Structures are given as C-alpha cells and as structure tokens.
Protein backbone atom coordinates (compact mmCIF):
# COMPACT_ATOMS: atom_id res chain seq x y z
CA MET A 1 20.10 34.38 -15.50
CA LYS A 2 17.43 36.00 -17.64
CA LYS A 3 14.75 33.84 -16.02
CA LEU A 4 15.99 34.91 -12.60
CA PHE A 5 15.70 38.59 -13.51
CA ASN A 6 12.20 37.96 -14.90
CA ILE A 7 11.19 36.42 -11.58
CA ILE A 8 12.65 39.40 -9.70
CA ASP A 9 10.70 41.77 -11.94
CA LYS A 10 7.45 40.09 -10.89
CA ILE A 11 8.19 40.51 -7.17
CA LYS A 12 6.33 43.56 -5.88
CA TYR A 13 7.81 45.91 -3.31
CA GLU A 14 4.85 45.16 -1.04
CA TYR A 15 5.92 41.50 -0.99
CA LEU A 16 9.40 42.47 0.19
CA ASP A 17 7.84 44.70 2.85
CA ASP A 18 5.72 41.82 4.15
CA PHE A 19 8.59 39.33 3.92
CA SER A 20 10.79 41.61 6.03
CA PHE A 21 7.97 41.95 8.53
CA ILE A 22 7.57 38.17 8.81
CA ILE A 23 11.24 37.35 9.36
CA LEU A 24 11.75 40.21 11.83
CA LEU A 25 8.62 39.11 13.65
CA LEU A 26 10.56 35.91 14.42
CA TRP A 27 13.04 38.05 16.35
CA THR A 28 10.44 39.98 18.35
CA ILE A 29 9.17 36.75 19.90
CA CYS A 30 12.68 35.58 20.86
CA PRO A 31 12.27 36.44 24.56
CA LEU A 32 9.06 34.40 24.76
CA VAL A 33 10.64 31.36 23.12
CA GLU A 34 13.74 31.66 25.28
CA TYR A 35 11.64 32.00 28.44
CA TYR A 36 9.97 28.70 27.59
CA PHE A 37 13.32 27.06 26.83
CA LYS A 38 14.92 28.39 30.02
CA ASN A 39 12.13 27.29 32.36
CA TYR A 40 10.93 24.09 30.71
CA MET A 41 13.69 22.85 28.35
CA TYR A 42 16.88 23.80 30.17
CA SER A 43 19.36 22.28 27.70
CA TYR A 44 17.97 24.38 24.85
CA HIS A 45 18.37 27.77 26.53
CA LYS A 46 19.81 30.40 24.10
CA THR A 47 19.34 27.96 21.18
CA TYR A 48 16.67 30.07 19.49
CA PHE A 49 18.65 33.30 19.88
CA SER A 50 21.76 31.69 18.41
CA MET A 51 19.96 30.03 15.50
CA ILE A 52 17.47 32.65 14.37
CA ILE A 53 20.02 35.47 14.10
CA TYR A 54 21.70 33.66 11.18
CA ILE A 55 18.42 32.80 9.47
CA ILE A 56 17.13 36.37 9.64
CA GLY A 57 20.50 37.87 8.73
CA MET A 58 21.00 35.77 5.61
CA LEU A 59 17.39 36.12 4.44
CA GLY A 60 17.61 39.88 5.00
CA ILE A 61 20.70 40.17 2.81
CA LEU A 62 19.16 38.03 0.07
CA GLU A 63 15.90 39.96 -0.07
CA TYR A 64 17.77 43.26 -0.12
CA ILE A 65 19.75 42.05 -3.13
CA VAL A 66 16.43 41.41 -4.87
CA TYR A 67 15.26 44.91 -3.90
CA PHE A 68 18.44 46.56 -5.12
CA ILE A 69 18.33 44.72 -8.46
CA LYS A 70 14.77 45.97 -8.98
CA GLN A 71 15.81 49.51 -8.10
CA LYS A 72 18.79 49.35 -10.43
CA LYS A 73 16.72 48.08 -13.34
CA GLU A 74 14.17 50.82 -12.79
CA GLY A 75 16.87 53.50 -12.68
CA LEU A 76 16.06 54.48 -9.10
CA VAL A 77 19.55 54.16 -7.64
CA SER A 78 21.53 57.26 -6.64
CA LYS A 79 24.50 57.86 -4.32
CA ARG A 80 22.52 60.25 -2.14
CA LYS A 81 19.61 57.88 -1.76
CA TYR A 82 21.87 54.95 -0.87
CA LEU A 83 24.43 56.88 1.17
CA CYS A 84 23.67 54.86 4.33
CA GLU A 85 24.24 51.57 2.51
CA ILE A 86 27.53 52.91 1.13
CA LEU A 87 28.70 53.77 4.65
CA ILE A 88 27.63 50.36 5.98
CA SER A 89 29.48 48.63 3.12
CA THR A 90 32.59 50.63 3.99
CA LEU A 91 32.32 49.51 7.61
CA LEU A 92 32.05 45.90 6.42
CA ILE A 93 35.18 46.26 4.26
CA LEU A 94 37.07 47.73 7.22
CA GLY A 95 35.85 44.80 9.31
CA PHE A 96 37.29 42.31 6.80
CA ILE A 97 40.62 44.16 6.71
CA ALA A 98 40.82 44.28 10.51
CA THR A 99 40.01 40.56 10.70
CA ILE A 100 42.67 39.60 8.16
CA PHE A 101 45.36 41.50 10.06
CA SER A 102 44.19 40.57 13.56
CA LYS A 103 46.29 38.43 15.90
CA ASP A 104 43.59 35.79 16.08
CA ILE A 105 41.69 35.58 12.78
CA ARG A 106 39.43 32.80 14.01
CA LEU A 107 38.38 34.76 17.10
CA SER A 108 37.86 37.92 15.06
CA PHE A 109 35.71 36.13 12.49
CA PHE A 110 33.65 33.81 14.69
CA GLY A 111 33.78 35.65 18.02
CA GLU A 112 34.01 34.01 21.43
CA PRO A 113 31.34 31.69 22.91
CA TYR A 114 29.85 34.24 25.32
CA ARG A 115 29.15 37.30 23.17
CA LYS A 116 29.19 35.53 19.79
CA GLU A 117 30.03 38.82 18.06
CA GLY A 118 32.66 37.96 15.50
CA LEU A 119 32.64 39.47 12.01
CA ILE A 120 30.16 36.82 10.83
CA VAL A 121 27.55 38.05 13.33
CA TYR A 122 28.16 41.69 12.34
CA ILE A 123 27.38 40.62 8.78
CA MET A 124 24.12 39.16 10.12
CA TYR A 125 23.42 42.51 11.82
CA ILE A 126 23.68 44.13 8.40
CA GLY A 127 21.05 41.65 7.22
CA PHE A 128 18.76 42.88 10.01
CA ILE A 129 19.37 46.50 9.01
CA LEU A 130 18.77 45.89 5.30
CA SER A 131 15.65 43.83 5.92
CA ALA A 132 14.13 46.42 8.26
CA SER A 133 14.90 49.19 5.76
CA LEU A 134 12.45 47.58 3.34
CA ILE A 135 9.47 47.91 5.70
CA ARG A 136 7.35 50.85 4.61
CA ALA A 137 3.89 49.94 5.88
CA ASP A 138 3.03 51.60 9.19
CA LYS A 139 0.89 48.64 10.23
CA ASN A 140 3.91 46.33 10.01
CA LYS A 141 6.07 48.72 12.05
CA LYS A 142 3.34 49.05 14.65
CA ILE A 143 2.85 45.28 14.99
CA LEU A 144 6.59 44.71 15.47
CA ALA A 145 6.62 47.37 18.20
CA ARG A 146 3.61 45.79 19.91
CA LEU A 147 5.20 42.34 19.82
CA ILE A 148 8.37 43.64 21.48
CA ILE A 149 6.25 45.28 24.19
CA PHE A 150 4.13 42.15 24.57
CA SER A 151 7.24 39.97 24.93
CA ALA A 152 8.65 42.29 27.59
CA LEU A 153 5.31 42.31 29.42
CA ILE A 154 4.96 38.52 29.49
CA ILE A 155 8.53 37.70 30.55
CA GLY A 156 8.23 40.48 33.12
CA ILE A 157 4.97 39.26 34.64
CA LEU A 158 5.58 35.49 34.71
CA PRO A 159 8.60 35.62 37.07
CA LEU A 160 6.47 37.58 39.55
CA PHE A 161 3.99 34.71 39.67
CA ARG A 162 6.82 32.19 40.03
CA ASN A 163 8.35 34.20 42.92
CA ASN A 164 5.16 35.14 44.79
CA PHE A 165 5.31 38.71 43.47
CA THR A 166 8.71 39.31 45.08
CA TYR A 167 10.96 41.00 42.54
CA LYS A 168 14.75 40.75 42.49
CA ALA A 169 17.13 42.13 39.88
CA PHE A 170 17.86 39.17 37.61
CA PRO A 171 18.85 38.52 33.97
CA ASN A 172 15.57 36.85 32.96
CA VAL A 173 16.25 35.12 29.60
CA PHE A 174 19.55 36.96 29.12
CA ASN A 175 23.01 36.24 30.52
CA GLN A 176 23.32 39.35 32.69
CA PHE A 177 20.81 41.63 34.40
CA ASN A 178 22.14 44.67 32.49
CA HIS A 179 21.46 42.88 29.19
CA TYR A 180 17.88 42.50 30.35
CA GLY A 181 18.02 46.22 31.11
CA TYR A 182 18.71 47.04 27.45
CA PHE A 183 15.67 45.05 26.39
CA LEU A 184 13.50 46.70 29.06
CA MET A 185 14.71 50.13 27.93
CA ILE A 186 13.67 49.50 24.32
CA SER A 187 10.31 48.08 25.38
CA LEU A 188 9.75 50.97 27.78
CA MET A 189 10.34 53.61 25.10
CA LEU A 190 8.02 51.84 22.67
CA SER A 191 5.31 51.59 25.34
CA ILE A 192 5.66 55.31 26.09
CA PHE A 193 4.84 56.19 22.51
CA MET A 194 2.03 53.67 22.35
CA PHE A 195 0.55 55.45 25.37
CA ILE A 196 1.12 58.89 23.83
CA ASN A 197 -0.32 58.06 20.40
CA ASN A 198 -3.34 55.96 21.40
CA LYS A 199 -6.77 56.93 22.71
CA GLY A 200 -9.42 55.44 24.96
CA ILE A 201 -8.97 51.93 26.37
CA ARG A 202 -5.72 51.36 24.50
CA LYS A 203 -4.23 54.51 26.00
CA ILE A 204 -5.13 53.31 29.50
CA PHE A 205 -3.73 49.85 28.76
CA TYR A 206 -0.40 51.22 27.54
CA LEU A 207 -0.27 53.56 30.50
CA PHE A 208 -0.24 50.56 32.82
CA VAL A 209 2.28 48.76 30.58
CA TYR A 210 4.53 51.84 30.66
CA ILE A 211 4.34 52.06 34.46
CA PHE A 212 5.06 48.33 34.84
CA LEU A 213 8.05 48.33 32.46
CA LEU A 214 9.44 51.47 34.12
CA TYR A 215 9.12 49.72 37.47
CA LEU A 216 11.02 46.72 36.12
CA LEU A 217 13.75 48.91 34.63
CA ILE A 218 14.26 50.78 37.90
CA ARG A 219 14.38 47.57 39.91
CA ASN A 220 16.69 46.06 37.31
CA ASP A 221 19.14 48.79 38.36
CA THR A 222 20.91 49.17 35.01
CA PHE A 223 21.44 52.90 35.50
CA GLY A 224 22.87 53.46 32.01
CA CYS A 225 19.57 52.39 30.47
CA TYR A 226 17.60 54.48 32.96
CA LEU A 227 19.83 57.48 32.25
CA ALA A 228 19.42 57.07 28.47
CA SER A 229 15.64 56.88 28.88
CA SER A 230 15.68 60.02 31.04
CA ILE A 231 17.72 61.97 28.49
CA SER A 232 15.42 60.88 25.67
CA LEU A 233 12.36 61.96 27.65
CA ILE A 234 13.88 65.40 28.22
CA ILE A 235 14.54 65.73 24.49
CA LEU A 236 11.03 64.44 23.73
CA PHE A 237 9.57 67.04 26.09
CA ILE A 238 11.42 69.82 24.27
CA TYR A 239 10.43 68.35 20.90
CA SER A 240 6.76 68.22 21.91
CA LEU A 241 6.82 71.89 22.90
CA VAL A 242 8.53 73.00 19.68
CA LYS A 243 6.55 70.79 17.29
CA LYS A 244 3.29 70.86 19.28
CA TYR A 245 3.36 67.07 19.43
CA GLN A 246 0.94 65.51 21.96
CA ARG A 247 1.97 68.02 24.64
CA VAL A 248 -0.47 66.90 27.32
CA SER A 249 0.38 63.20 26.95
CA VAL A 250 4.11 63.93 26.92
CA ILE A 251 3.83 66.02 30.11
CA ILE A 252 1.86 63.22 31.79
CA THR A 253 4.55 60.75 30.67
CA VAL A 254 7.34 62.85 32.20
CA ILE A 255 5.44 63.37 35.47
CA ILE A 256 4.78 59.63 35.82
CA PHE A 257 8.43 58.88 35.06
CA VAL A 258 9.58 61.14 37.87
CA LEU A 259 6.95 59.96 40.37
CA ILE A 260 7.52 56.25 39.74
CA SER A 261 11.29 56.68 39.79
CA PHE A 262 11.48 58.27 43.19
CA GLY A 263 8.44 56.43 44.52
CA VAL A 264 10.07 53.05 43.90
CA SER A 265 13.34 54.35 45.38
CA HIS A 266 11.59 55.43 48.57
CA TYR A 267 9.81 52.06 48.73
CA ASP A 268 13.14 50.22 48.39
CA ILE A 269 14.71 52.18 51.21
CA LYS A 270 11.77 51.42 53.51
CA ILE A 271 11.37 47.67 52.90
CA GLY A 272 14.58 46.76 51.06
CA GLU A 273 15.60 44.23 53.68
CA ARG A 274 12.25 42.47 53.63
CA VAL A 275 12.30 41.91 49.85
CA ASN A 276 15.98 40.98 50.08
CA LEU A 277 17.31 43.70 47.77
CA LYS A 278 20.75 45.26 47.85
CA SER A 279 20.65 48.75 49.35
CA THR A 280 21.54 50.37 46.02
CA GLN A 281 19.20 48.40 43.79
CA GLY A 282 16.29 50.37 42.45
CA SER A 283 17.41 53.51 44.23
CA VAL A 284 17.36 56.18 41.54
CA GLY A 285 18.39 58.86 44.01
CA LYS A 286 21.55 56.97 44.97
CA ASN A 287 22.40 56.29 41.33
CA ILE A 288 21.97 59.94 40.41
CA LYS A 289 24.20 60.95 43.31
CA THR A 290 26.83 58.47 42.12
CA PHE A 291 26.51 59.84 38.57
CA PHE A 292 27.26 63.40 39.67
CA ASN A 293 30.14 62.16 41.81
CA ASP A 294 31.52 60.49 38.68
CA VAL A 295 31.20 63.76 36.79
CA ASN A 296 33.25 65.45 39.51
CA LYS A 297 35.85 62.71 39.24
CA ALA A 298 36.00 63.24 35.47
CA LEU A 299 36.80 66.89 36.05
CA ASN A 300 39.45 65.94 38.59
CA GLU A 301 42.98 65.47 37.31
CA ASP A 302 43.68 62.60 39.69
CA ASN A 303 43.88 59.47 37.47
CA SER A 304 43.08 57.16 40.35
CA LYS A 305 39.68 58.82 40.69
CA THR A 306 38.88 58.90 36.97
CA ASN A 307 39.51 55.14 36.85
CA GLU A 308 36.53 54.66 39.17
CA ILE A 309 34.03 56.47 36.93
CA GLY A 310 30.99 54.37 36.05
CA THR A 311 31.99 51.35 38.17
CA GLY A 312 35.36 51.09 36.50
CA ARG A 313 34.38 52.34 33.05
CA GLY A 314 36.84 55.22 33.29
CA TYR A 315 39.70 52.74 33.40
CA LEU A 316 38.25 50.68 30.54
CA TRP A 317 37.75 53.79 28.41
CA LYS A 318 41.32 54.96 28.92
CA LYS A 319 42.73 51.53 28.11
CA ALA A 320 40.54 51.20 25.00
CA LEU A 321 41.66 54.64 23.86
CA SER A 322 45.28 53.63 24.43
CA TYR A 323 44.73 50.45 22.38
CA THR A 324 43.10 52.51 19.61
CA MET A 325 46.09 54.85 19.50
CA ASP A 326 48.35 51.80 19.07
CA HIS A 327 46.16 50.51 16.20
CA PRO A 328 44.64 53.69 14.75
CA LEU A 329 44.01 52.70 11.12
CA ILE A 330 42.66 49.16 11.11
CA GLY A 331 42.18 48.29 14.78
CA GLY A 332 42.90 44.86 16.21
CA GLY A 333 39.93 42.92 14.85
CA MET A 334 36.69 41.87 16.55
CA GLU A 335 37.07 40.89 20.21
CA CYS A 336 40.67 42.16 20.26
CA LEU A 337 40.19 43.71 23.70
CA HIS A 338 39.50 40.39 25.40
CA GLU A 339 43.18 39.43 25.61
CA TYR A 340 44.26 43.05 26.10
CA TYR A 341 42.00 43.63 29.12
CA ASN A 342 42.78 40.18 30.48
CA ALA A 343 46.42 41.23 30.77
CA GLN A 344 45.35 44.12 33.04
CA THR A 345 44.94 43.43 36.74
CA VAL A 346 42.61 46.22 37.88
CA TYR A 347 39.30 45.84 36.02
CA TYR A 348 38.62 42.68 34.04
CA SER A 349 36.39 43.04 31.00
CA ASP A 350 36.31 42.28 27.30
CA ARG A 351 34.53 45.48 26.22
CA PRO A 352 35.08 49.20 26.91
CA HIS A 353 31.38 49.87 27.59
CA ASN A 354 31.37 52.53 24.86
CA ILE A 355 30.37 51.73 21.29
CA ILE A 356 32.65 54.35 19.70
CA LEU A 357 35.72 53.09 21.57
CA GLN A 358 34.65 49.52 20.80
CA ILE A 359 34.48 50.21 17.07
CA SER A 360 37.73 52.20 17.02
CA SER A 361 39.47 49.34 18.86
CA PHE A 362 38.00 46.70 16.56
CA ILE A 363 38.34 48.32 13.11
CA GLY A 364 40.23 51.57 13.69
CA ILE A 365 39.47 55.26 13.98
CA PRO A 366 38.18 55.54 10.37
CA GLY A 367 35.53 52.92 11.21
CA ALA A 368 34.43 54.80 14.33
CA LEU A 369 34.16 58.05 12.36
CA ILE A 370 32.14 56.39 9.59
CA TYR A 371 29.77 54.89 12.18
CA LEU A 372 29.32 58.30 13.80
CA ALA A 373 28.73 59.86 10.38
CA LEU A 374 26.07 57.22 9.67
CA ILE A 375 24.25 57.95 12.94
CA ILE A 376 24.47 61.74 12.48
CA ILE A 377 23.21 61.60 8.88
CA ILE A 378 20.26 59.40 9.85
CA ALA A 379 19.47 61.51 12.92
CA PHE A 380 19.53 64.94 11.29
CA ASN A 381 17.91 63.96 8.00
CA ASN A 382 15.02 62.13 9.64
CA LEU A 383 14.48 64.78 12.29
CA LYS A 384 13.08 67.07 9.59
CA ASN A 385 10.41 64.57 8.59
CA ILE A 386 9.42 62.39 11.55
CA HIS A 387 6.78 64.89 12.70
CA LYS A 388 4.64 63.76 9.75
CA ASN A 389 4.12 60.31 11.24
CA PRO A 390 3.82 59.34 14.96
CA ILE A 391 5.12 55.83 14.20
CA ASN A 392 8.36 57.29 12.87
CA ILE A 393 8.65 59.53 15.94
CA MET A 394 8.44 56.39 18.10
CA ILE A 395 11.12 54.60 16.09
CA TYR A 396 13.38 57.67 16.06
CA PHE A 397 13.33 58.29 19.82
CA THR A 398 13.63 54.60 20.71
CA ALA A 399 16.68 54.25 18.45
CA MET A 400 18.15 57.42 19.90
CA THR A 401 17.69 56.05 23.42
CA TYR A 402 19.55 52.87 22.56
CA PHE A 403 22.37 54.84 20.94
CA ILE A 404 22.72 57.02 24.05
CA SER A 405 22.88 53.92 26.24
CA SER A 406 25.58 52.45 23.97
CA MET A 407 27.91 55.26 25.09
CA PHE A 408 28.24 53.43 28.41
CA GLY A 409 26.85 49.99 27.59
CA ASN A 410 27.78 46.70 25.96
CA SER A 411 26.68 45.01 22.76
CA MET A 412 25.45 41.42 22.74
CA TYR A 413 24.24 39.14 19.97
CA TYR A 414 20.75 39.01 21.49
CA THR A 415 20.29 42.74 22.26
CA SER A 416 22.05 44.49 19.35
CA PRO A 417 19.54 43.21 16.74
CA TYR A 418 16.81 45.36 18.29
CA PHE A 419 18.87 48.45 17.56
CA MET A 420 19.68 47.13 14.08
CA ILE A 421 15.96 46.82 13.33
CA LEU A 422 15.31 50.37 14.53
CA LEU A 423 18.33 51.63 12.57
CA GLY A 424 17.11 49.82 9.46
CA LEU A 425 13.65 51.37 9.75
CA LEU A 426 15.26 54.83 9.96
CA ILE A 427 17.49 54.07 6.97
CA GLY A 428 14.38 53.12 5.02
CA LEU A 429 12.86 56.46 6.02
CA TYR A 430 16.07 58.24 4.97
CA ARG A 431 15.90 56.51 1.58
CA GLU A 432 12.30 57.60 1.22
CA ASN A 433 13.14 61.19 2.19
CA ASN A 434 15.91 61.33 -0.38
CA SER A 435 13.99 59.72 -3.20
CA LYS A 436 12.20 61.62 -5.95
CA GLU A 437 10.49 58.47 -7.11
CA ASN A 438 8.39 57.58 -4.03
CA LEU A 439 5.34 56.73 -6.09
CA LYS A 440 7.30 54.59 -8.53
CA GLU A 441 8.75 52.46 -5.73
CA HIS A 442 5.28 51.15 -4.96
C-alpha cells in the first residue's frame, strides 16, 4: 500500500490533465468511427459507442481517485471545494437505493437494450464528469471542442455527397433524428464561440462551419434543440452587452442566426416538394407558431388541449408527475416509466422528455432537487468568473444550451456524455474558483 501511495505522489497533476484529455478525445471521435461502421461495416454499428463509454467511465473514476488521494495528502480537500462531488455522490446513493427497491432490479441496473441507461451507465457518466473536471489546460479544452465540431462537420458533409447534395432529416449515426439534433446543437454552439473568439482566416472558416451546422440543425427539425440554441443566443447577446464581450461578433452571430433560420424556411416552402421534405420540416416559422399555440394550450384549463403540448409531451409530463407523486422519496428506479407508459394507450413513450421529471421518477423528488441544486450552484458560481477566459464562456453557454434542451428532450447513452464532459469542465472550474491553493495544485 505504501508503494502505491509513493507512486501516486510522483504523478503530477499535469499528467492527470493530459490523461483526461486523451480518454475524452476517444469520445469526441465517436461519430466518425460510427459513421464508418454504419456505412462500411454494418454489423458493427453502435459497437464503438457501447464499448468506449465503459472504458472512459471506469478510467475516469480511477484517475479521479488518484487525484483525490493526492489532494487529501496535501491537505487541499474542503467541503466547499468539493461540494459538487458531494452532491453527485448523493445522487449515486439515491440511485442505488431506487434500484434496490425497484420492481425490476435488473432493468434498473443494466437498462434496456435501446437506451442502455441503467444505473451502471449513470456510474459511467460520473466517470466522464470526474475525468473532465481534471482538465485545466485551455489547449486541451480547445482541442476537444474542435474535434466535436470536426466530427459534426464530416458526418454532416459526407451524406450530402452520398445523396447528391439532397438533404433529408435523418438520424445519421444515431438511432433517431432528434438524437442527431442534440449532437448538432452542441456542435453548433461550440462553432459559434470558435467564430466569435477567433480572428482572420480561422474566423472566416468557423463562420462557414457555423452557418452549415445551423442549416443542418434547422433541416433536422428538432425544434427543442433549435429553441434551446435560440434562448442561449439571446442570453449571450445580453451577456455581451453587459460584460462588453465581443459585441460586434455576437451581433453578427445573432443576425446570421435569424437570417439563416427564416431563409431556409422560405426555401423549404418554395421547393419542399422537389427535395421531398415534409411540409413542416425545416420550417422555423411553423415551429414557432406551434410553440406559441402550445403556450396558449398550457394556459387553457382544458386537459385535452394540454395533453397535446409539444407533440404529446404535455400528457407525458402529467403522467410522469403523477408517477413521481406515487413514489416521491425514492422513485421507481431507472427506466421505471417504460412499463408505466406502456400501460397507457394515448401516447407511447419510455421517457417524459423532461430531465427533472425523469430524475424525480427514477430516484425521487430529493434526487431531482439535488440535481437542480448542482446545476444552479455550478451556473451561478461560474458566471462570476467565466468572463476571464473565452474558452470557459464557450463551455458555460454550450452546457447551458444542452440543459435548456433537456427540459423537453431525451437522454441517450451516446448523447448524454457530451453534456457530462461539459458539466465536468465546469465543475473543475468551480473547484478552481473555490480553492485557495490554486498554485499548489500545479
């Protein structure tokens, strides 16, 4: 044991930083590997996604243990500094309790074949978070962001060549087109900040990348992701005015967003039949009109109308809330809603399309409140300090965009890790903000 601690003492924090970067890099190239598998090795499709999540998750947990041991030996551990980890550990404990008392322990622990999000995968998500929290070097953060953008660019361009530049909404390397939308949303937000923060040729390059990814997101027609991106851009615009952050570039970004959005919509209306698109696909105007109609339905007391909100989400939300009220303290375990929704005859689903209701259904109301507390603590604490570093601003707003989309979206084993990486990077920043020993850590 003494030899082990001696080895840990010799491991520098920079090594852990680089190790985290290397293993998370393996995730950023997932879409590229899966695109190759899907188009050239059909029987192996989704193999890389399924395999690498466990490798990264376990390695992330192990390296964080090494990091924590070093911190403990150096007397650098405090409750305030590690508050986020304490909250995450509490969520994990609640997950174990919910699993033990669930109707189907096997399903709760291993998940079902489609989503693969049993307790074991949530533990792997924690590995992603912990590993990302150890990355301090801006160059490593920037490279990871670029690789995500590059992956989105390549798997976005190649299908156009394969289909003679005729674009249809499709899932790409994912199971559903809306899952692809989550990935496009993350890549889009990262490309926006790469455009904002760069100069010269790189700025022009990322401008075109931003326009292309926005085009793909609009044509993908996952309105929740588009709406989350829009809300984040509005907040970014306000932030840039208050903090004097790249005002001109941010204004250009917003103008392009509006022009491309409605430009593509007008194009779809004119030649939609020729490119074989559904009449609603890519039409931002129609989606916005539907959104405001849903708001009116939400304000209406007629339950039959509120059920229709968000293509049936209103019904799913009400049923998930009802399930939560029946299991308020410990929930029903992971994937408990699959059987519950299956018994309903109106809208079939296995998820409520709302992360808070999902967590409260899975592990109880205390778990949902702890998760919200974690997000709020990270958001407010980091907001005071992100202006010091444009890379951190990029991470902050991209994570915020994903969180907003999760209020009306689904989690999947191949999309959630992107948010876990962003969350981990922000937790690392929180730890740095609440540490009086910044110099000692390195």
